[in-house]
Amino acid sequence: MNMDFKRIAIIGVGLIGGSFGLALKKSRLCEKIVGIGRNKENLIKAKERGIIDEYFTDASRGVIDADLILLSTPVGKFQRILERIRGNIKKGAIVTDVGSVKLEVVKGLEPLIPEGVSFVGTHPIAGRESSGIADASAEFFAGIRCIVTPTSNTDKNALGKIISLWEAIGSKISLMTPEEHDRVFAIVSHIPHVIAYTLINTIMDLDENILQHSGPSLKDMTRIALSPTELWRDICSYNRENIIKSLNHFISHITDIKALIEKSDWDALEKEFQKAQAGRKSLGCH
């Protein structure tokens, strides 16, 4: 692809932002990458690793002359960041994000986008329980799906550039409305995190000493409870209604399973397990 973005500013140089920088460097998709964040020590490490070329702890200074600005902090910070930097974003620039929730983000950000600047929402379906640059990789987005969430206000030229950029670093693009995105990911992403946190707390409330007897099954099932709590607090806040609906649906299923066990209806219970097993197999081995 043509080098549409000569100078790219990444606000939040962690696992996602750092991997984005490394992928851009590997594919030679920009001339300079600027890292922006509160933690100067982290930014120095990012520069030493070759993720970024220079850094700023002042976001309003860091975005000057950037052709693309990536918001890669917890979603709850996006609006305050944009309010701080909007006066220094040049005309023709694109602002994008990698947040796991979209509708409230779009509602909050679109009105703040300066005239002549475009916003395109994205959500790469990639992540680990760690959030630091130590695990950042140039291959992190290769083969993964990236959801792009345009609205009626999205500039078509900017949308095309963002799609091409993600494709150039190996991602497969799916288009969704912000509303559809949040409805889908409430159940396939947000609820699993809520359940993982809740399951660990349930065990600890029964007896904290029980955790030491955990085997691989509990560790596998609750790995995502190691995810940054601030991030998931914000996601639950921003996607509240969809998460509540999904939780109610989940609680209904838990109640049905509990009833089958209470009735000792083991055949029906096994059928439920078989149904779930078939669904899980459709996802593949990992």
Protein backbone atom coordinates (compact mmCIF):
# COMPACT_ATOMS: atom_id res chain seq x y z
CA MET A 1 0.00 0.00 0.00
CA ASN A 2 1.05 3.64 -0.38
CA MET A 3 2.50 5.30 2.69
CA ASP A 4 -0.61 7.32 3.57
CA PHE A 5 0.61 7.93 7.12
CA LYS A 6 4.11 9.37 7.39
CA ARG A 7 3.86 10.24 11.09
CA ILE A 8 1.78 8.07 13.43
CA ALA A 9 1.08 8.85 17.09
CA ILE A 10 0.21 5.96 19.42
CA ILE A 11 -1.41 7.07 22.67
CA GLY A 12 -0.99 4.18 25.09
CA VAL A 13 2.07 2.08 24.20
CA GLY A 14 1.18 -1.25 25.79
CA LEU A 15 0.56 -4.70 24.33
CA ILE A 16 -1.84 -3.53 21.59
CA GLY A 17 -0.27 -0.15 20.89
CA GLY A 18 3.24 -1.63 21.01
CA SER A 19 2.33 -4.49 18.68
CA PHE A 20 0.72 -2.01 16.29
CA GLY A 21 3.96 -0.02 16.23
CA LEU A 22 6.11 -3.10 15.62
CA ALA A 23 3.79 -4.29 12.84
CA LEU A 24 3.97 -0.89 11.15
CA LYS A 25 7.76 -0.88 11.41
CA LYS A 26 8.07 -4.41 10.02
CA SER A 27 5.84 -3.57 7.05
CA ARG A 28 7.44 -0.15 6.57
CA LEU A 29 4.09 1.57 6.58
CA CYS A 30 5.21 4.90 8.04
CA GLU A 31 8.30 7.08 8.45
CA LYS A 32 8.03 7.90 12.15
CA ILE A 33 6.10 6.57 15.13
CA VAL A 34 5.55 8.74 18.18
CA GLY A 35 4.69 7.11 21.50
CA ILE A 36 2.56 9.01 24.00
CA GLY A 37 1.85 8.02 27.59
CA ARG A 38 2.09 8.94 31.27
CA ASN A 39 4.83 6.44 32.12
CA LYS A 40 8.14 7.81 30.85
CA GLU A 41 10.01 4.64 31.83
CA ASN A 42 7.67 2.55 29.67
CA LEU A 43 8.14 4.94 26.74
CA ILE A 44 11.92 4.72 27.05
CA LYS A 45 11.67 0.90 26.93
CA ALA A 46 9.42 1.16 23.87
CA LYS A 47 12.02 3.32 22.13
CA GLU A 48 14.82 0.93 23.09
CA ARG A 49 12.82 -1.95 21.60
CA GLY A 50 12.37 -0.03 18.37
CA ILE A 51 8.59 0.23 18.77
CA ILE A 52 8.63 4.04 18.61
CA ASP A 53 11.06 6.66 17.34
CA GLU A 54 10.33 9.38 19.87
CA TYR A 55 8.01 9.92 22.81
CA PHE A 56 6.02 12.53 24.69
CA THR A 57 4.28 12.49 28.06
CA ASP A 58 2.24 15.51 26.91
CA ALA A 59 -0.33 14.16 24.46
CA SER A 60 -1.19 17.59 23.04
CA ARG A 61 2.44 18.05 21.96
CA GLY A 62 2.87 14.47 20.75
CA VAL A 63 0.05 14.58 18.19
CA ILE A 64 1.33 17.67 16.36
CA ASP A 65 1.78 16.87 12.63
CA ALA A 66 0.55 13.26 13.07
CA ASP A 67 -1.28 11.84 10.06
CA LEU A 68 -2.81 9.08 12.18
CA ILE A 69 -3.56 9.06 15.91
CA LEU A 70 -4.27 5.71 17.57
CA LEU A 71 -6.10 5.69 20.92
CA SER A 72 -4.87 2.59 22.74
CA THR A 73 -5.60 3.37 26.40
CA PRO A 74 -8.57 2.07 28.44
CA VAL A 75 -11.73 3.34 26.72
CA GLY A 76 -12.70 5.46 29.71
CA LYS A 77 -9.79 7.79 28.95
CA PHE A 78 -10.57 8.38 25.24
CA GLN A 79 -12.84 11.39 25.64
CA ARG A 80 -10.54 13.28 28.03
CA ILE A 81 -7.58 12.58 25.74
CA LEU A 82 -9.38 13.88 22.66
CA GLU A 83 -10.51 17.00 24.51
CA ARG A 84 -6.85 17.63 25.38
CA ILE A 85 -5.39 17.04 21.90
CA ARG A 86 -8.13 18.22 19.53
CA GLY A 87 -6.65 21.72 19.15
CA ASN A 88 -3.36 20.28 17.87
CA ILE A 89 -4.68 17.71 15.38
CA LYS A 90 -3.87 18.79 11.84
CA LYS A 91 -6.48 18.87 9.08
CA GLY A 92 -6.56 15.68 7.04
CA ALA A 93 -5.50 13.52 9.99
CA ILE A 94 -7.38 10.40 11.06
CA VAL A 95 -8.14 9.47 14.66
CA THR A 96 -8.78 5.77 15.32
CA ASP A 97 -8.98 3.48 18.34
CA VAL A 98 -8.66 -0.16 19.35
CA GLY A 99 -11.33 -0.18 22.06
CA SER A 100 -13.38 -3.29 22.90
CA VAL A 101 -16.61 -1.29 23.10
CA LYS A 102 -17.86 1.02 20.39
CA LEU A 103 -21.25 2.78 20.61
CA GLU A 104 -20.51 4.96 23.65
CA VAL A 105 -17.00 5.61 22.35
CA VAL A 106 -18.36 6.84 19.02
CA LYS A 107 -21.03 8.96 20.71
CA GLY A 108 -18.40 10.56 22.90
CA LEU A 109 -15.70 11.08 20.28
CA GLU A 110 -17.45 12.04 17.04
CA PRO A 111 -18.70 15.42 18.37
CA LEU A 112 -15.16 16.27 19.50
CA ILE A 113 -13.48 15.54 16.16
CA PRO A 114 -12.27 18.85 14.66
CA GLU A 115 -13.39 19.97 11.21
CA GLY A 116 -11.23 18.39 8.51
CA VAL A 117 -10.28 15.45 10.76
CA SER A 118 -11.83 11.95 10.49
CA PHE A 119 -12.61 9.29 13.09
CA VAL A 120 -12.76 5.56 12.30
CA GLY A 121 -13.47 3.06 15.09
CA THR A 122 -11.73 -0.33 15.09
CA HIS A 123 -11.44 -3.34 17.39
CA PRO A 124 -8.76 -5.95 16.63
CA ILE A 125 -9.86 -9.27 18.14
CA ALA A 126 -6.52 -9.95 19.74
CA GLY A 127 -5.24 -9.75 23.26
CA ARG A 128 -3.58 -11.43 26.19
CA GLU A 129 -4.09 -11.17 29.92
CA SER A 130 -0.90 -9.11 30.10
CA SER A 131 -1.05 -5.51 28.91
CA GLY A 132 2.60 -4.41 28.76
CA ILE A 133 5.07 -3.98 25.91
CA ALA A 134 7.10 -7.00 27.01
CA ASP A 135 4.72 -9.24 25.02
CA ALA A 136 4.29 -6.86 22.08
CA SER A 137 4.96 -8.52 18.73
CA ALA A 138 5.06 -7.51 15.07
CA GLU A 139 3.03 -10.68 14.31
CA PHE A 140 0.36 -9.98 16.93
CA PHE A 141 -2.32 -8.98 14.41
CA ALA A 142 -1.40 -11.45 11.66
CA GLY A 143 -4.42 -13.56 10.75
CA ILE A 144 -6.72 -12.04 13.37
CA ARG A 145 -10.04 -10.37 12.67
CA CYS A 146 -10.28 -6.60 13.02
CA ILE A 147 -13.78 -5.18 13.38
CA VAL A 148 -14.19 -1.76 11.76
CA THR A 149 -17.26 0.19 12.88
CA PRO A 150 -18.11 3.06 10.52
CA THR A 151 -21.13 5.30 11.07
CA SER A 152 -23.07 7.58 8.75
CA ASN A 153 -20.57 10.30 9.69
CA THR A 154 -17.46 8.30 8.73
CA ASP A 155 -15.45 9.70 5.84
CA LYS A 156 -15.24 7.03 3.13
CA ASN A 157 -11.68 7.91 2.15
CA ALA A 158 -10.50 7.67 5.76
CA LEU A 159 -12.39 4.38 6.15
CA GLY A 160 -10.60 2.94 3.13
CA LYS A 161 -7.20 3.99 4.46
CA ILE A 162 -7.81 2.38 7.86
CA ILE A 163 -9.05 -0.86 6.28
CA SER A 164 -5.98 -0.97 4.01
CA LEU A 165 -3.67 -0.34 6.96
CA TRP A 166 -5.05 -3.22 9.03
CA GLU A 167 -4.99 -5.51 6.00
CA ALA A 168 -1.37 -4.54 5.36
CA ILE A 169 -0.35 -5.81 8.83
CA GLY A 170 -2.15 -9.10 8.23
CA SER A 171 -5.62 -8.62 9.70
CA LYS A 172 -8.93 -9.76 8.22
CA ILE A 173 -11.57 -7.03 8.16
CA SER A 174 -15.21 -7.32 9.25
CA LEU A 175 -17.54 -4.32 9.12
CA MET A 176 -20.18 -3.81 11.84
CA THR A 177 -22.22 -0.92 13.12
CA PRO A 178 -21.18 0.20 16.61
CA GLU A 179 -24.54 -1.10 17.91
CA GLU A 180 -24.06 -4.55 16.39
CA HIS A 181 -20.48 -4.70 17.64
CA ASP A 182 -21.47 -4.03 21.25
CA ARG A 183 -24.37 -6.50 21.16
CA VAL A 184 -22.14 -9.29 19.79
CA PHE A 185 -19.10 -8.67 21.98
CA ALA A 186 -21.14 -8.34 25.16
CA ILE A 187 -21.76 -12.09 24.99
CA VAL A 188 -18.60 -13.43 23.32
CA SER A 189 -16.03 -11.25 25.09
CA HIS A 190 -17.34 -9.05 27.87
CA ILE A 191 -19.41 -11.69 29.69
CA PRO A 192 -16.56 -14.26 29.75
CA HIS A 193 -14.38 -11.71 31.54
CA VAL A 194 -17.13 -10.91 34.06
CA ILE A 195 -17.64 -14.65 34.68
CA ALA A 196 -13.91 -15.29 35.12
CA TYR A 197 -13.59 -12.54 37.73
CA THR A 198 -16.77 -13.72 39.47
CA LEU A 199 -15.75 -17.38 39.56
CA ILE A 200 -12.45 -16.57 41.27
CA ASN A 201 -14.27 -14.38 43.80
CA THR A 202 -16.83 -17.13 44.43
CA ILE A 203 -14.08 -19.62 45.28
CA MET A 204 -12.26 -17.10 47.47
CA ASP A 205 -15.47 -16.26 49.34
CA LEU A 206 -15.97 -19.96 50.09
CA ASP A 207 -12.39 -20.47 51.26
CA GLU A 208 -9.29 -18.67 49.96
CA ASN A 209 -7.18 -21.76 50.64
CA ILE A 210 -9.14 -23.76 48.05
CA LEU A 211 -7.42 -21.90 45.19
CA GLN A 212 -4.09 -23.62 45.88
CA HIS A 213 -5.69 -26.92 44.83
CA SER A 214 -6.65 -25.58 41.39
CA GLY A 215 -5.71 -27.61 38.33
CA PRO A 216 -5.30 -26.64 34.67
CA SER A 217 -9.07 -26.46 34.07
CA LEU A 218 -9.65 -23.57 36.47
CA LYS A 219 -6.48 -21.80 35.32
CA ASP A 220 -7.49 -22.12 31.66
CA MET A 221 -11.04 -20.97 32.34
CA THR A 222 -10.04 -17.96 34.42
CA ARG A 223 -6.84 -16.85 32.65
CA ILE A 224 -8.63 -13.69 31.51
CA ALA A 225 -9.21 -12.68 35.14
CA LEU A 226 -5.57 -11.54 34.96
CA SER A 227 -6.63 -8.83 32.50
CA PRO A 228 -6.31 -5.16 33.52
CA THR A 229 -9.20 -4.38 35.87
CA GLU A 230 -9.42 -0.70 34.90
CA LEU A 231 -9.95 -1.68 31.28
CA TRP A 232 -12.79 -4.08 32.08
CA ARG A 233 -14.42 -1.72 34.54
CA ASP A 234 -14.64 0.84 31.72
CA ILE A 235 -15.97 -1.71 29.23
CA CYS A 236 -18.74 -2.77 31.64
CA SER A 237 -19.63 0.88 32.16
CA TYR A 238 -19.74 1.68 28.44
CA ASN A 239 -21.62 -1.47 27.39
CA ARG A 240 -23.82 -1.71 30.49
CA GLU A 241 -27.21 -2.51 28.90
CA ASN A 242 -25.91 -5.22 26.55
CA ILE A 243 -23.91 -6.83 29.36
CA ILE A 244 -26.94 -6.85 31.69
CA LYS A 245 -29.06 -8.52 28.97
CA SER A 246 -26.36 -11.11 28.34
CA LEU A 247 -25.91 -11.76 32.06
CA ASN A 248 -29.66 -12.29 32.47
CA HIS A 249 -29.54 -14.84 29.64
CA PHE A 250 -26.56 -16.56 31.25
CA ILE A 251 -28.23 -16.62 34.67
CA SER A 252 -31.29 -18.24 33.07
CA HIS A 253 -29.09 -21.03 31.64
CA ILE A 254 -27.31 -21.53 34.96
CA THR A 255 -30.71 -21.80 36.65
CA ASP A 256 -31.82 -24.43 34.11
CA ILE A 257 -28.65 -26.48 34.69
CA LYS A 258 -29.11 -26.20 38.45
CA ALA A 259 -32.70 -27.47 38.08
CA LEU A 260 -31.56 -30.51 36.07
CA ILE A 261 -29.02 -31.40 38.77
CA GLU A 262 -31.62 -30.91 41.50
CA LYS A 263 -33.98 -33.28 39.63
CA SER A 264 -31.15 -35.76 38.99
CA ASP A 265 -32.05 -35.61 35.30
CA TRP A 266 -28.66 -36.80 34.15
CA ASP A 267 -29.70 -37.60 30.56
CA ALA A 268 -30.96 -34.08 30.01
CA LEU A 269 -27.83 -32.69 31.66
CA GLU A 270 -25.59 -34.69 29.35
CA LYS A 271 -27.54 -33.41 26.32
CA GLU A 272 -26.85 -29.86 27.47
CA PHE A 273 -23.17 -30.69 27.83
CA GLN A 274 -23.11 -32.33 24.37
CA LYS A 275 -24.74 -29.25 22.83
CA ALA A 276 -22.10 -27.04 24.42
CA GLN A 277 -19.30 -29.38 23.40
CA ALA A 278 -20.40 -29.26 19.77
CA GLY A 279 -20.49 -25.48 19.87
CA ARG A 280 -17.03 -25.31 21.41
CA LYS A 281 -15.60 -27.72 18.79
CA SER A 282 -16.77 -25.33 16.08
CA LEU A 283 -14.32 -22.75 17.46
CA GLY A 284 -11.32 -25.01 16.85
CA CYS A 285 -8.80 -26.51 19.24
CA HIS A 286 -7.50 -23.36 20.91
